[in-house]
């Protein structure tokens, strides 16, 4: 059974959407964590609790700058490359259609 290398645009978009959904899910969990740390800080003003809050804030900001930004960028790149590939496919199809009939018949067009 022959295999194809052609990718379905809907599958490509679904993958990009999964990247965005993963990012959204992580943000939601980080927000829950931050709420829990803030609640702990409200109950105790000790130096350890303040250090926990500061560490959590720094960690969340670091994740947003790196991992979450990368997931969002990857989703954009996936969609951009898919659109670029589609444009190349259309251009190649137009070039094949312009070939003389004898040549296009030979190529299976």
PDB file of N, CA and C in Angstrom:
ATOM      1  N   UNK A   1       0.841  -1.173   0.000  1.00  0.00           N
ATOM      2  CA  UNK A   1       0.000   0.000   0.000  1.00  0.00           C
ATOM      3  C   UNK A   1       0.890   1.242   0.000  1.00  0.00           C
ATOM      4  N   UNK A   2       0.739   2.114  -0.972  1.00  0.00           N
ATOM      5  CA  UNK A   2       1.591   3.299  -1.046  1.00  0.00           C
ATOM      6  C   UNK A   2       1.241   4.288   0.063  1.00  0.00           C
ATOM      7  N   UNK A   3       2.266   4.944   0.537  1.00  0.00           N
ATOM      8  CA  UNK A   3       2.077   5.977   1.558  1.00  0.00           C
ATOM      9  C   UNK A   3       2.252   7.332   0.907  1.00  0.00           C
ATOM     10  N   UNK A   4       1.612   8.308   1.477  1.00  0.00           N
ATOM     11  CA  UNK A   4       1.709   9.658   0.944  1.00  0.00           C
ATOM     12  C   UNK A   4       2.427  10.556   1.947  1.00  0.00           C
ATOM     13  N   UNK A   5       3.109  11.538   1.429  1.00  0.00           N
ATOM     14  CA  UNK A   5       3.747  12.519   2.306  1.00  0.00           C
ATOM     15  C   UNK A   5       2.886  13.772   2.413  1.00  0.00           C
ATOM     16  N   UNK A   6       1.778  13.787   1.716  1.00  0.00           N
ATOM     17  CA  UNK A   6       0.903  14.954   1.746  1.00  0.00           C
ATOM     18  C   UNK A   6       0.257  15.076   3.121  1.00  0.00           C
ATOM     19  N   UNK A   7       0.281  16.276   3.659  1.00  0.00           N
ATOM     20  CA  UNK A   7      -0.321  16.541   4.950  1.00  0.00           C
ATOM     21  C   UNK A   7      -1.660  17.230   4.758  1.00  0.00           C
ATOM     22  N   UNK A   8      -2.617  16.820   5.530  1.00  0.00           N
ATOM     23  CA  UNK A   8      -3.947  17.407   5.477  1.00  0.00           C
ATOM     24  C   UNK A   8      -3.924  18.756   6.206  1.00  0.00           C
ATOM     25  N   UNK A   9      -4.334  19.827   5.550  1.00  0.00           N
ATOM     26  CA  UNK A   9      -4.321  21.145   6.213  1.00  0.00           C
ATOM     27  C   UNK A   9      -5.114  21.154   7.518  1.00  0.00           C
ATOM     28  N   UNK A  10      -6.188  20.380   7.596  1.00  0.00           N
ATOM     29  CA  UNK A  10      -6.975  20.324   8.829  1.00  0.00           C
ATOM     30  C   UNK A  10      -6.159  19.683   9.956  1.00  0.00           C
ATOM     31  N   UNK A  11      -5.365  18.669   9.629  1.00  0.00           N
ATOM     32  CA  UNK A  11      -4.510  18.026  10.631  1.00  0.00           C
ATOM     33  C   UNK A  11      -3.419  18.989  11.102  1.00  0.00           C
ATOM     34  N   UNK A  12      -2.881  19.746  10.169  1.00  0.00           N
ATOM     35  CA  UNK A  12      -1.839  20.718  10.518  1.00  0.00           C
ATOM     36  C   UNK A  12      -2.420  21.780  11.440  1.00  0.00           C
ATOM     37  N   UNK A  13      -3.596  22.290  11.111  1.00  0.00           N
ATOM     38  CA  UNK A  13      -4.235  23.300  11.947  1.00  0.00           C
ATOM     39  C   UNK A  13      -4.583  22.725  13.316  1.00  0.00           C
ATOM     40  N   UNK A  14      -5.014  21.470  13.345  1.00  0.00           N
ATOM     41  CA  UNK A  14      -5.334  20.825  14.626  1.00  0.00           C
ATOM     42  C   UNK A  14      -4.093  20.733  15.514  1.00  0.00           C
ATOM     43  N   UNK A  15      -2.950  20.456  14.905  1.00  0.00           N
ATOM     44  CA  UNK A  15      -1.710  20.394  15.692  1.00  0.00           C
ATOM     45  C   UNK A  15      -1.371  21.764  16.265  1.00  0.00           C
ATOM     46  N   UNK A  16      -1.515  22.794  15.454  1.00  0.00           N
ATOM     47  CA  UNK A  16      -1.254  24.153  15.946  1.00  0.00           C
ATOM     48  C   UNK A  16      -2.228  24.504  17.074  1.00  0.00           C
ATOM     49  N   UNK A  17      -3.470  24.107  16.919  1.00  0.00           N
ATOM     50  CA  UNK A  17      -4.477  24.364  17.953  1.00  0.00           C
ATOM     51  C   UNK A  17      -4.137  23.621  19.242  1.00  0.00           C
ATOM     52  N   UNK A  18      -3.582  22.405  19.128  1.00  0.00           N
ATOM     53  CA  UNK A  18      -3.164  21.659  20.322  1.00  0.00           C
ATOM     54  C   UNK A  18      -2.034  22.400  21.056  1.00  0.00           C
ATOM     55  N   UNK A  19      -1.122  22.999  20.293  1.00  0.00           N
ATOM     56  CA  UNK A  19      -0.051  23.791  20.925  1.00  0.00           C
ATOM     57  C   UNK A  19      -0.669  24.945  21.726  1.00  0.00           C
ATOM     58  N   UNK A  20      -1.626  25.634  21.118  1.00  0.00           N
ATOM     59  CA  UNK A  20      -2.268  26.763  21.794  1.00  0.00           C
ATOM     60  C   UNK A  20      -3.073  26.297  23.010  1.00  0.00           C
ATOM     61  N   UNK A  21      -3.760  25.168  22.879  1.00  0.00           N
ATOM     62  CA  UNK A  21      -4.545  24.635  23.995  1.00  0.00           C
ATOM     63  C   UNK A  21      -3.636  24.231  25.154  1.00  0.00           C
ATOM     64  N   UNK A  22      -2.493  23.651  24.831  1.00  0.00           N
ATOM     65  CA  UNK A  22      -1.535  23.279  25.874  1.00  0.00           C
ATOM     66  C   UNK A  22      -1.046  24.525  26.598  1.00  0.00           C
ATOM     67  N   UNK A  23      -0.741  25.557  25.846  1.00  0.00           N
ATOM     68  CA  UNK A  23      -0.301  26.821  26.439  1.00  0.00           C
ATOM     69  C   UNK A  23      -1.394  27.388  27.344  1.00  0.00           C
ATOM     70  N   UNK A  24      -2.631  27.394  26.865  1.00  0.00           N
ATOM     71  CA  UNK A  24      -3.750  27.906  27.664  1.00  0.00           C
ATOM     72  C   UNK A  24      -3.937  27.096  28.943  1.00  0.00           C
ATOM     73  N   UNK A  25      -3.804  25.780  28.837  1.00  0.00           N
ATOM     74  CA  UNK A  25      -3.944  24.901  29.991  1.00  0.00           C
ATOM     75  C   UNK A  25      -2.862  25.194  31.026  1.00  0.00           C
ATOM     76  N   UNK A  26      -1.639  25.371  30.563  1.00  0.00           N
ATOM     77  CA  UNK A  26      -0.532  25.671  31.475  1.00  0.00           C
ATOM     78  C   UNK A  26      -0.772  27.017  32.160  1.00  0.00           C
ATOM     79  N   UNK A  27      -1.229  28.006  31.409  1.00  0.00           N
ATOM     80  CA  UNK A  27      -1.512  29.322  31.995  1.00  0.00           C
ATOM     81  C   UNK A  27      -2.583  29.208  33.078  1.00  0.00           C
ATOM     82  N   UNK A  28      -3.606  28.430  32.803  1.00  0.00           N
ATOM     83  CA  UNK A  28      -4.675  28.238  33.780  1.00  0.00           C
ATOM     84  C   UNK A  28      -4.119  27.598  35.066  1.00  0.00           C
ATOM     85  N   UNK A  29      -3.282  26.599  34.914  1.00  0.00           N
ATOM     86  CA  UNK A  29      -2.700  25.948  36.091  1.00  0.00           C
ATOM     87  C   UNK A  29      -1.764  26.889  36.844  1.00  0.00           C
ATOM     88  N   UNK A  30      -1.013  27.689  36.105  1.00  0.00           N
ATOM     89  CA  UNK A  30      -0.134  28.668  36.759  1.00  0.00           C
ATOM     90  C   UNK A  30      -0.937  29.700  37.538  1.00  0.00           C
ATOM     91  N   UNK A  31      -2.068  30.112  36.975  1.00  0.00           N
ATOM     92  CA  UNK A  31      -2.931  31.069  37.675  1.00  0.00           C
ATOM     93  C   UNK A  31      -3.488  30.467  38.968  1.00  0.00           C
ATOM     94  N   UNK A  32      -3.854  29.183  38.909  1.00  0.00           N
ATOM     95  CA  UNK A  32      -4.329  28.500  40.119  1.00  0.00           C
ATOM     96  C   UNK A  32      -3.219  28.435  41.171  1.00  0.00           C
ATOM     97  N   UNK A  33      -2.020  28.106  40.720  1.00  0.00           N
ATOM     98  CA  UNK A  33      -0.877  28.054  41.637  1.00  0.00           C
ATOM     99  C   UNK A  33      -0.643  29.412  42.280  1.00  0.00           C
ATOM    100  N   UNK A  34      -0.666  30.451  41.465  1.00  0.00           N
ATOM    101  CA  UNK A  34      -0.442  31.805  41.975  1.00  0.00           C
ATOM    102  C   UNK A  34      -1.511  32.173  42.997  1.00  0.00           C
ATOM    103  N   UNK A  35      -2.753  31.788  42.755  1.00  0.00           N
ATOM    104  CA  UNK A  35      -3.826  32.059  43.711  1.00  0.00           C
ATOM    105  C   UNK A  35      -3.574  31.349  45.034  1.00  0.00           C
ATOM    106  N   UNK A  36      -3.097  30.122  44.966  1.00  0.00           N
ATOM    107  CA  UNK A  36      -2.803  29.364  46.185  1.00  0.00           C
ATOM    108  C   UNK A  36      -1.644  29.995  46.953  1.00  0.00           C
ATOM    109  N   UNK A  37      -0.627  30.421  46.240  1.00  0.00           N
ATOM    110  CA  UNK A  37       0.512  31.074  46.901  1.00  0.00           C
ATOM    111  C   UNK A  37       0.065  32.393  47.521  1.00  0.00           C
ATOM    112  N   UNK A  38      -0.769  33.153  46.797  1.00  0.00           N
ATOM    113  CA  UNK A  38      -1.270  34.419  47.345  1.00  0.00           C
ATOM    114  C   UNK A  38      -2.110  34.189  48.595  1.00  0.00           C
ATOM    115  N   UNK A  39      -2.907  33.117  48.590  1.00  0.00           N
ATOM    116  CA  UNK A  39      -3.713  32.794  49.772  1.00  0.00           C
ATOM    117  C   UNK A  39      -2.812  32.427  50.942  1.00  0.00           C
ATOM    118  N   UNK A  40      -1.747  31.709  50.656  1.00  0.00           N
ATOM    119  CA  UNK A  40      -0.784  31.365  51.712  1.00  0.00           C
ATOM    120  C   UNK A  40      -0.110  32.617  52.246  1.00  0.00           C
ATOM    121  N   UNK A  41       0.253  33.524  51.355  1.00  0.00           N
ATOM    122  CA  UNK A  41       0.893  34.777  51.749  1.00  0.00           C
ATOM    123  C   UNK A  41      -0.057  35.635  52.594  1.00  0.00           C
ATOM    124  N   UNK A  42      -1.344  35.608  52.260  1.00  0.00           N
ATOM    125  CA  UNK A  42      -2.326  36.380  53.021  1.00  0.00           C
ATOM    126  C   UNK A  42      -2.448  35.845  54.456  1.00  0.00           C
ATOM    127  N   UNK A  43      -2.227  34.543  54.613  1.00  0.00           N
ATOM    128  CA  UNK A  43      -2.323  33.938  55.933  1.00  0.00           C
ATOM    129  C   UNK A  43      -1.060  34.027  56.751  1.00  0.00           C
ATOM    130  N   UNK A  44       0.052  34.306  56.105  1.00  0.00           N
ATOM    131  CA  UNK A  44       1.329  34.366  56.815  1.00  0.00           C
ATOM    132  C   UNK A  44       2.236  35.365  56.122  1.00  0.00           C
ATOM    133  N   UNK A  45       2.732  36.298  56.889  1.00  0.00           N
ATOM    134  CA  UNK A  45       3.630  37.312  56.343  1.00  0.00           C
ATOM    135  C   UNK A  45       5.091  37.012  56.658  1.00  0.00           C
ATOM    136  N   UNK A  46       5.399  35.750  56.887  1.00  0.00           N
ATOM    137  CA  UNK A  46       6.772  35.392  57.252  1.00  0.00           C
ATOM    138  C   UNK A  46       7.712  35.579  56.060  1.00  0.00           C
ATOM    139  N   UNK A  47       8.990  35.632  56.351  1.00  0.00           N
ATOM    140  CA  UNK A  47       9.993  35.786  55.300  1.00  0.00           C
ATOM    141  C   UNK A  47       9.979  34.592  54.356  1.00  0.00           C
ATOM    142  N   UNK A  48       9.742  33.399  54.890  1.00  0.00           N
ATOM    143  CA  UNK A  48       9.698  32.189  54.056  1.00  0.00           C
ATOM    144  C   UNK A  48       8.528  32.246  53.074  1.00  0.00           C
ATOM    145  N   UNK A  49       7.393  32.726  53.547  1.00  0.00           N
ATOM    146  CA  UNK A  49       6.212  32.828  52.680  1.00  0.00           C
ATOM    147  C   UNK A  49       6.429  33.889  51.606  1.00  0.00           C
ATOM    148  N   UNK A  50       7.042  34.994  51.992  1.00  0.00           N
ATOM    149  CA  UNK A  50       7.345  36.036  51.003  1.00  0.00           C
ATOM    150  C   UNK A  50       8.347  35.519  49.964  1.00  0.00           C
ATOM    151  N   UNK A  51       9.327  34.742  50.411  1.00  0.00           N
ATOM    152  CA  UNK A  51      10.293  34.167  49.476  1.00  0.00           C
ATOM    153  C   UNK A  51       9.609  33.186  48.527  1.00  0.00           C
ATOM    154  N   UNK A  52       8.659  32.402  49.066  1.00  0.00           N
ATOM    155  CA  UNK A  52       7.887  31.484  48.227  1.00  0.00           C
ATOM    156  C   UNK A  52       7.119  32.250  47.158  1.00  0.00           C
ATOM    157  N   UNK A  53       6.499  33.346  47.565  1.00  0.00           N
ATOM    158  CA  UNK A  53       5.730  34.159  46.614  1.00  0.00           C
ATOM    159  C   UNK A  53       6.631  34.742  45.534  1.00  0.00           C
ATOM    160  N   UNK A  54       7.764  35.282  45.930  1.00  0.00           N
ATOM    161  CA  UNK A  54       8.709  35.869  44.966  1.00  0.00           C
ATOM    162  C   UNK A  54       9.242  34.799  44.009  1.00  0.00           C
ATOM    163  N   UNK A  55       9.584  33.646  44.552  1.00  0.00           N
ATOM    164  CA  UNK A  55      10.093  32.544  43.723  1.00  0.00           C
ATOM    165  C   UNK A  55       9.029  32.084  42.732  1.00  0.00           C
ATOM    166  N   UNK A  56       7.803  31.972  43.210  1.00  0.00           N
ATOM    167  CA  UNK A  56       6.695  31.567  42.328  1.00  0.00           C
ATOM    168  C   UNK A  56       6.493  32.587  41.211  1.00  0.00           C
ATOM    169  N   UNK A  57       6.499  33.876  41.560  1.00  0.00           N
ATOM    170  CA  UNK A  57       6.334  34.926  40.548  1.00  0.00           C
ATOM    171  C   UNK A  57       7.433  34.860  39.488  1.00  0.00           C
ATOM    172  N   UNK A  58       8.664  34.710  39.945  1.00  0.00           N
ATOM    173  CA  UNK A  58       9.797  34.632  39.010  1.00  0.00           C
ATOM    174  C   UNK A  58       9.698  33.396  38.122  1.00  0.00           C
ATOM    175  N   UNK A  59       9.305  32.286  38.707  1.00  0.00           N
ATOM    176  CA  UNK A  59       9.180  31.041  37.953  1.00  0.00           C
ATOM    177  C   UNK A  59       8.084  31.151  36.893  1.00  0.00           C
ATOM    178  N   UNK A  60       6.935  31.710  37.282  1.00  0.00           N
ATOM    179  CA  UNK A  60       5.824  31.876  36.338  1.00  0.00           C
ATOM    180  C   UNK A  60       6.232  32.799  35.192  1.00  0.00           C
ATOM    181  N   UNK A  61       6.867  33.905  35.502  1.00  0.00           N
ATOM    182  CA  UNK A  61       7.301  34.835  34.451  1.00  0.00           C
ATOM    183  C   UNK A  61       8.319  34.171  33.526  1.00  0.00           C
ATOM    184  N   UNK A  62       9.219  33.381  34.097  1.00  0.00           N
ATOM    185  CA  UNK A  62      10.187  32.657  33.271  1.00  0.00           C
ATOM    186  C   UNK A  62       9.517  31.678  32.327  1.00  0.00           C
ATOM    187  N   UNK A  63       8.511  30.959  32.826  1.00  0.00           N
ATOM    188  CA  UNK A  63       7.776  30.021  31.971  1.00  0.00           C
ATOM    189  C   UNK A  63       7.053  30.757  30.843  1.00  0.00           C
ATOM    190  N   UNK A  64       6.453  31.877  31.176  1.00  0.00           N
ATOM    191  CA  UNK A  64       5.726  32.643  30.157  1.00  0.00           C
ATOM    192  C   UNK A  64       6.671  33.152  29.068  1.00  0.00           C
ATOM    193  N   UNK A  65       7.882  33.548  29.468  1.00  0.00           N
ATOM    194  CA  UNK A  65       8.850  34.062  28.487  1.00  0.00           C
ATOM    195  C   UNK A  65       9.427  32.952  27.626  1.00  0.00           C
ATOM    196  N   UNK A  66       9.530  31.767  28.153  1.00  0.00           N
ATOM    197  CA  UNK A  66      10.215  30.696  27.422  1.00  0.00           C
ATOM    198  C   UNK A  66       9.241  29.681  26.847  1.00  0.00           C
ATOM    199  N   UNK A  67       8.758  28.793  27.670  1.00  0.00           N
ATOM    200  CA  UNK A  67       7.954  27.667  27.201  1.00  0.00           C
ATOM    201  C   UNK A  67       6.646  28.119  26.569  1.00  0.00           C
ATOM    202  N   UNK A  68       5.909  28.967  27.261  1.00  0.00           N
ATOM    203  CA  UNK A  68       4.609  29.376  26.729  1.00  0.00           C
ATOM    204  C   UNK A  68       4.752  30.215  25.463  1.00  0.00           C
ATOM    205  N   UNK A  69       5.742  31.075  25.445  1.00  0.00           N
ATOM    206  CA  UNK A  69       5.991  31.863  24.236  1.00  0.00           C
ATOM    207  C   UNK A  69       6.382  30.947  23.084  1.00  0.00           C
ATOM    208  N   UNK A  70       7.172  29.926  23.378  1.00  0.00           N
ATOM    209  CA  UNK A  70       7.599  28.986  22.331  1.00  0.00           C
ATOM    210  C   UNK A  70       6.418  28.184  21.786  1.00  0.00           C
ATOM    211  N   UNK A  71       5.513  27.767  22.654  1.00  0.00           N
ATOM    212  CA  UNK A  71       4.336  27.032  22.180  1.00  0.00           C
ATOM    213  C   UNK A  71       3.499  27.898  21.238  1.00  0.00           C
ATOM    214  N   UNK A  72       3.317  29.153  21.617  1.00  0.00           N
ATOM    215  CA  UNK A  72       2.548  30.068  20.774  1.00  0.00           C
ATOM    216  C   UNK A  72       3.268  30.323  19.453  1.00  0.00           C
ATOM    217  N   UNK A  73       4.585  30.517  19.519  1.00  0.00           N
ATOM    218  CA  UNK A  73       5.356  30.730  18.289  1.00  0.00           C
ATOM    219  C   UNK A  73       5.292  29.507  17.382  1.00  0.00           C
ATOM    220  N   UNK A  74       5.425  28.319  17.974  1.00  0.00           N
ATOM    221  CA  UNK A  74       5.365  27.093  17.171  1.00  0.00           C
ATOM    222  C   UNK A  74       4.026  26.969  16.458  1.00  0.00           C
ATOM    223  N   UNK A  75       2.946  27.290  17.148  1.00  0.00           N
ATOM    224  CA  UNK A  75       1.627  27.231  16.512  1.00  0.00           C
ATOM    225  C   UNK A  75       1.585  28.179  15.312  1.00  0.00           C
ATOM    226  N   UNK A  76       2.125  29.368  15.483  1.00  0.00           N
ATOM    227  CA  UNK A  76       2.166  30.321  14.376  1.00  0.00           C
ATOM    228  C   UNK A  76       3.032  29.836  13.232  1.00  0.00           C
ATOM    229  N   UNK A  77       4.197  29.270  13.559  1.00  0.00           N
ATOM    230  CA  UNK A  77       5.090  28.742  12.519  1.00  0.00           C
ATOM    231  C   UNK A  77       4.446  27.589  11.766  1.00  0.00           C
ATOM    232  N   UNK A  78       3.757  26.715  12.494  1.00  0.00           N
ATOM    233  CA  UNK A  78       3.095  25.577  11.854  1.00  0.00           C
ATOM    234  C   UNK A  78       2.086  26.082  10.833  1.00  0.00           C
ATOM    235  N   UNK A  79       1.282  27.043  11.249  1.00  0.00           N
ATOM    236  CA  UNK A  79       0.264  27.580  10.328  1.00  0.00           C
ATOM    237  C   UNK A  79       0.913  28.312   9.151  1.00  0.00           C
ATOM    238  N   UNK A  80       1.947  29.087   9.427  1.00  0.00           N
ATOM    239  CA  UNK A  80       2.624  29.838   8.365  1.00  0.00           C
ATOM    240  C   UNK A  80       3.241  28.887   7.341  1.00  0.00           C
ATOM    241  N   UNK A  81       3.925  27.861   7.808  1.00  0.00           N
ATOM    242  CA  UNK A  81       4.548  26.906   6.888  1.00  0.00           C
ATOM    243  C   UNK A  81       3.502  26.125   6.101  1.00  0.00           C
ATOM    244  N   UNK A  82       2.404  25.811   6.741  1.00  0.00           N
ATOM    245  CA  UNK A  82       1.324  25.112   6.047  1.00  0.00           C
ATOM    246  C   UNK A  82       0.777  25.971   4.905  1.00  0.00           C
ATOM    247  N   UNK A  83       0.585  27.242   5.185  1.00  0.00           N
ATOM    248  CA  UNK A  83       0.089  28.153   4.151  1.00  0.00           C
ATOM    249  C   UNK A  83       1.119  28.312   3.037  1.00  0.00           C
ATOM    250  N   UNK A  84       2.388  28.389   3.413  1.00  0.00           N
ATOM    251  CA  UNK A  84       3.448  28.498   2.408  1.00  0.00           C
ATOM    252  C   UNK A  84       3.519  27.261   1.530  1.00  0.00           C
ATOM    253  N   UNK A  85       3.371  26.094   2.153  1.00  0.00           N
ATOM    254  CA  UNK A  85       3.387  24.839   1.390  1.00  0.00           C
ATOM    255  C   UNK A  85       2.194  24.768   0.453  1.00  0.00           C
ATOM    256  N   UNK A  86       1.042  25.205   0.938  1.00  0.00           N
ATOM    257  CA  UNK A  86      -0.152  25.210   0.101  1.00  0.00           C
ATOM    258  C   UNK A  86       0.043  26.130  -1.099  1.00  0.00           C
ATOM    259  N   UNK A  87       0.639  27.290  -0.876  1.00  0.00           N
ATOM    260  CA  UNK A  87       0.899  28.226  -1.979  1.00  0.00           C
ATOM    261  C   UNK A  87       1.872  27.614  -2.980  1.00  0.00           C
ATOM    262  N   UNK A  88       2.908  26.921  -2.479  1.00  0.00           N
ATOM    263  CA  UNK A  88       3.855  26.264  -3.383  1.00  0.00           C
ATOM    264  C   UNK A  88       3.166  25.163  -4.184  1.00  0.00           C
ATOM    265  N   UNK A  89       2.310  24.394  -3.528  1.00  0.00           N
ATOM    266  CA  UNK A  89       1.578  23.331  -4.222  1.00  0.00           C
ATOM    267  C   UNK A  89       0.706  23.905  -5.336  1.00  0.00           C
ATOM    268  N   UNK A  90       0.039  25.008  -5.039  1.00  0.00           N
ATOM    269  CA  UNK A  90      -0.819  25.627  -6.060  1.00  0.00           C
ATOM    270  C   UNK A  90       0.013  26.153  -7.229  1.00  0.00           C
ATOM    271  N   UNK A  91       1.137  26.778  -6.913  1.00  0.00           N
ATOM    272  CA  UNK A  91       2.005  27.296  -7.975  1.00  0.00           C
ATOM    273  C   UNK A  91       2.544  26.151  -8.830  1.00  0.00           C
ATOM    274  N   UNK A  92       2.952  25.057  -8.194  1.00  0.00           N
ATOM    275  CA  UNK A  92       3.456  23.910  -8.948  1.00  0.00           C
ATOM    276  C   UNK A  92       2.360  23.307  -9.811  1.00  0.00           C
ATOM    277  N   UNK A  93       1.151  23.248  -9.272  1.00  0.00           N
ATOM    278  CA  UNK A  93       0.026  22.733 -10.046  1.00  0.00           C
ATOM    279  C   UNK A  93      -0.259  23.586 -11.267  1.00  0.00           C
ATOM    280  N   UNK A  94      -0.149  24.894 -11.119  1.00  0.00           N
ATOM    281  CA  UNK A  94      -0.357  25.799 -12.248  1.00  0.00           C
ATOM    282  C   UNK A  94       0.730  25.617 -13.301  1.00  0.00           C
ATOM    283  N   UNK A  95       1.963  25.421 -12.850  1.00  0.00           N
ATOM    284  CA  UNK A  95       3.064  25.190 -13.792  1.00  0.00           C
ATOM    285  C   UNK A  95       2.853  23.892 -14.573  1.00  0.00           C
ATOM    286  N   UNK A  96       2.415  22.863 -13.880  1.00  0.00           N
ATOM    287  CA  UNK A  96       2.165  21.590 -14.558  1.00  0.00           C
ATOM    288  C   UNK A  96       1.034  21.755 -15.568  1.00  0.00           C
ATOM    289  N   UNK A  97       0.016  22.517 -15.211  1.00  0.00           N
ATOM    290  CA  UNK A  97      -1.115  22.729 -16.119  1.00  0.00           C
ATOM    291  C   UNK A  97      -0.695  23.488 -17.377  1.00  0.00           C
ATOM    292  N   UNK A  98       0.371  24.274 -17.307  1.00  0.00           N
ATOM    293  CA  UNK A  98       0.845  25.042 -18.462  1.00  0.00           C
ATOM    294  C   UNK A  98       1.706  24.213 -19.416  1.00  0.00           C
ATOM    295  N   UNK A  99       2.100  23.027 -18.992  1.00  0.00           N
ATOM    296  CA  UNK A  99       2.942  22.193 -19.853  1.00  0.00           C
ATOM    297  C   UNK A  99       2.169  21.784 -21.116  1.00  0.00           C
ATOM    298  N   UNK A 100       2.883  21.571 -22.220  1.00  0.00           N
ATOM    299  CA  UNK A 100       2.196  21.095 -23.430  1.00  0.00           C
ATOM    300  C   UNK A 100       1.477  19.784 -23.127  1.00  0.00           C
ATOM    301  N   UNK A 101       0.407  19.558 -23.816  1.00  0.00           N
ATOM    302  CA  UNK A 101      -0.442  18.399 -23.575  1.00  0.00           C
ATOM    303  C   UNK A 101       0.344  17.089 -23.584  1.00  0.00           C
ATOM    304  N   UNK A 102       1.252  16.914 -24.518  1.00  0.00           N
ATOM    305  CA  UNK A 102       2.013  15.673 -24.611  1.00  0.00           C
ATOM    306  C   UNK A 102       2.834  15.440 -23.349  1.00  0.00           C
ATOM    307  N   UNK A 103       3.468  16.505 -22.840  1.00  0.00           N
ATOM    308  CA  UNK A 103       4.284  16.393 -21.644  1.00  0.00           C
ATOM    309  C   UNK A 103       3.417  16.159 -20.405  1.00  0.00           C
ATOM    310  N   UNK A 104       2.317  16.869 -20.291  1.00  0.00           N
ATOM    311  CA  UNK A 104       1.466  16.710 -19.124  1.00  0.00           C
ATOM    312  C   UNK A 104       0.833  15.331 -19.096  1.00  0.00           C
ATOM    313  N   UNK A 105       0.529  14.754 -20.259  1.00  0.00           N
ATOM    314  CA  UNK A 105      -0.003  13.401 -20.291  1.00  0.00           C
ATOM    315  C   UNK A 105       1.031  12.400 -19.804  1.00  0.00           C
ATOM    316  N   UNK A 106       2.270  12.617 -20.185  1.00  0.00           N
ATOM    317  CA  UNK A 106       3.360  11.769 -19.739  1.00  0.00           C
ATOM    318  C   UNK A 106       3.528  11.832 -18.231  1.00  0.00           C
ATOM    319  N   UNK A 107       3.335  13.034 -17.663  1.00  0.00           N
ATOM    320  CA  UNK A 107       3.507  13.223 -16.229  1.00  0.00           C
ATOM    321  C   UNK A 107       2.274  12.787 -15.430  1.00  0.00           C
ATOM    322  N   UNK A 108       1.217  12.429 -16.094  1.00  0.00           N
ATOM    323  CA  UNK A 108       0.018  11.977 -15.400  1.00  0.00           C
ATOM    324  C   UNK A 108      -0.918  13.087 -14.992  1.00  0.00           C
ATOM    325  N   UNK A 109      -0.752  14.284 -15.545  1.00  0.00           N
ATOM    326  CA  UNK A 109      -1.633  15.396 -15.184  1.00  0.00           C
ATOM    327  C   UNK A 109      -2.898  15.362 -16.009  1.00  0.00           C
TER     328      UNK A 109
END
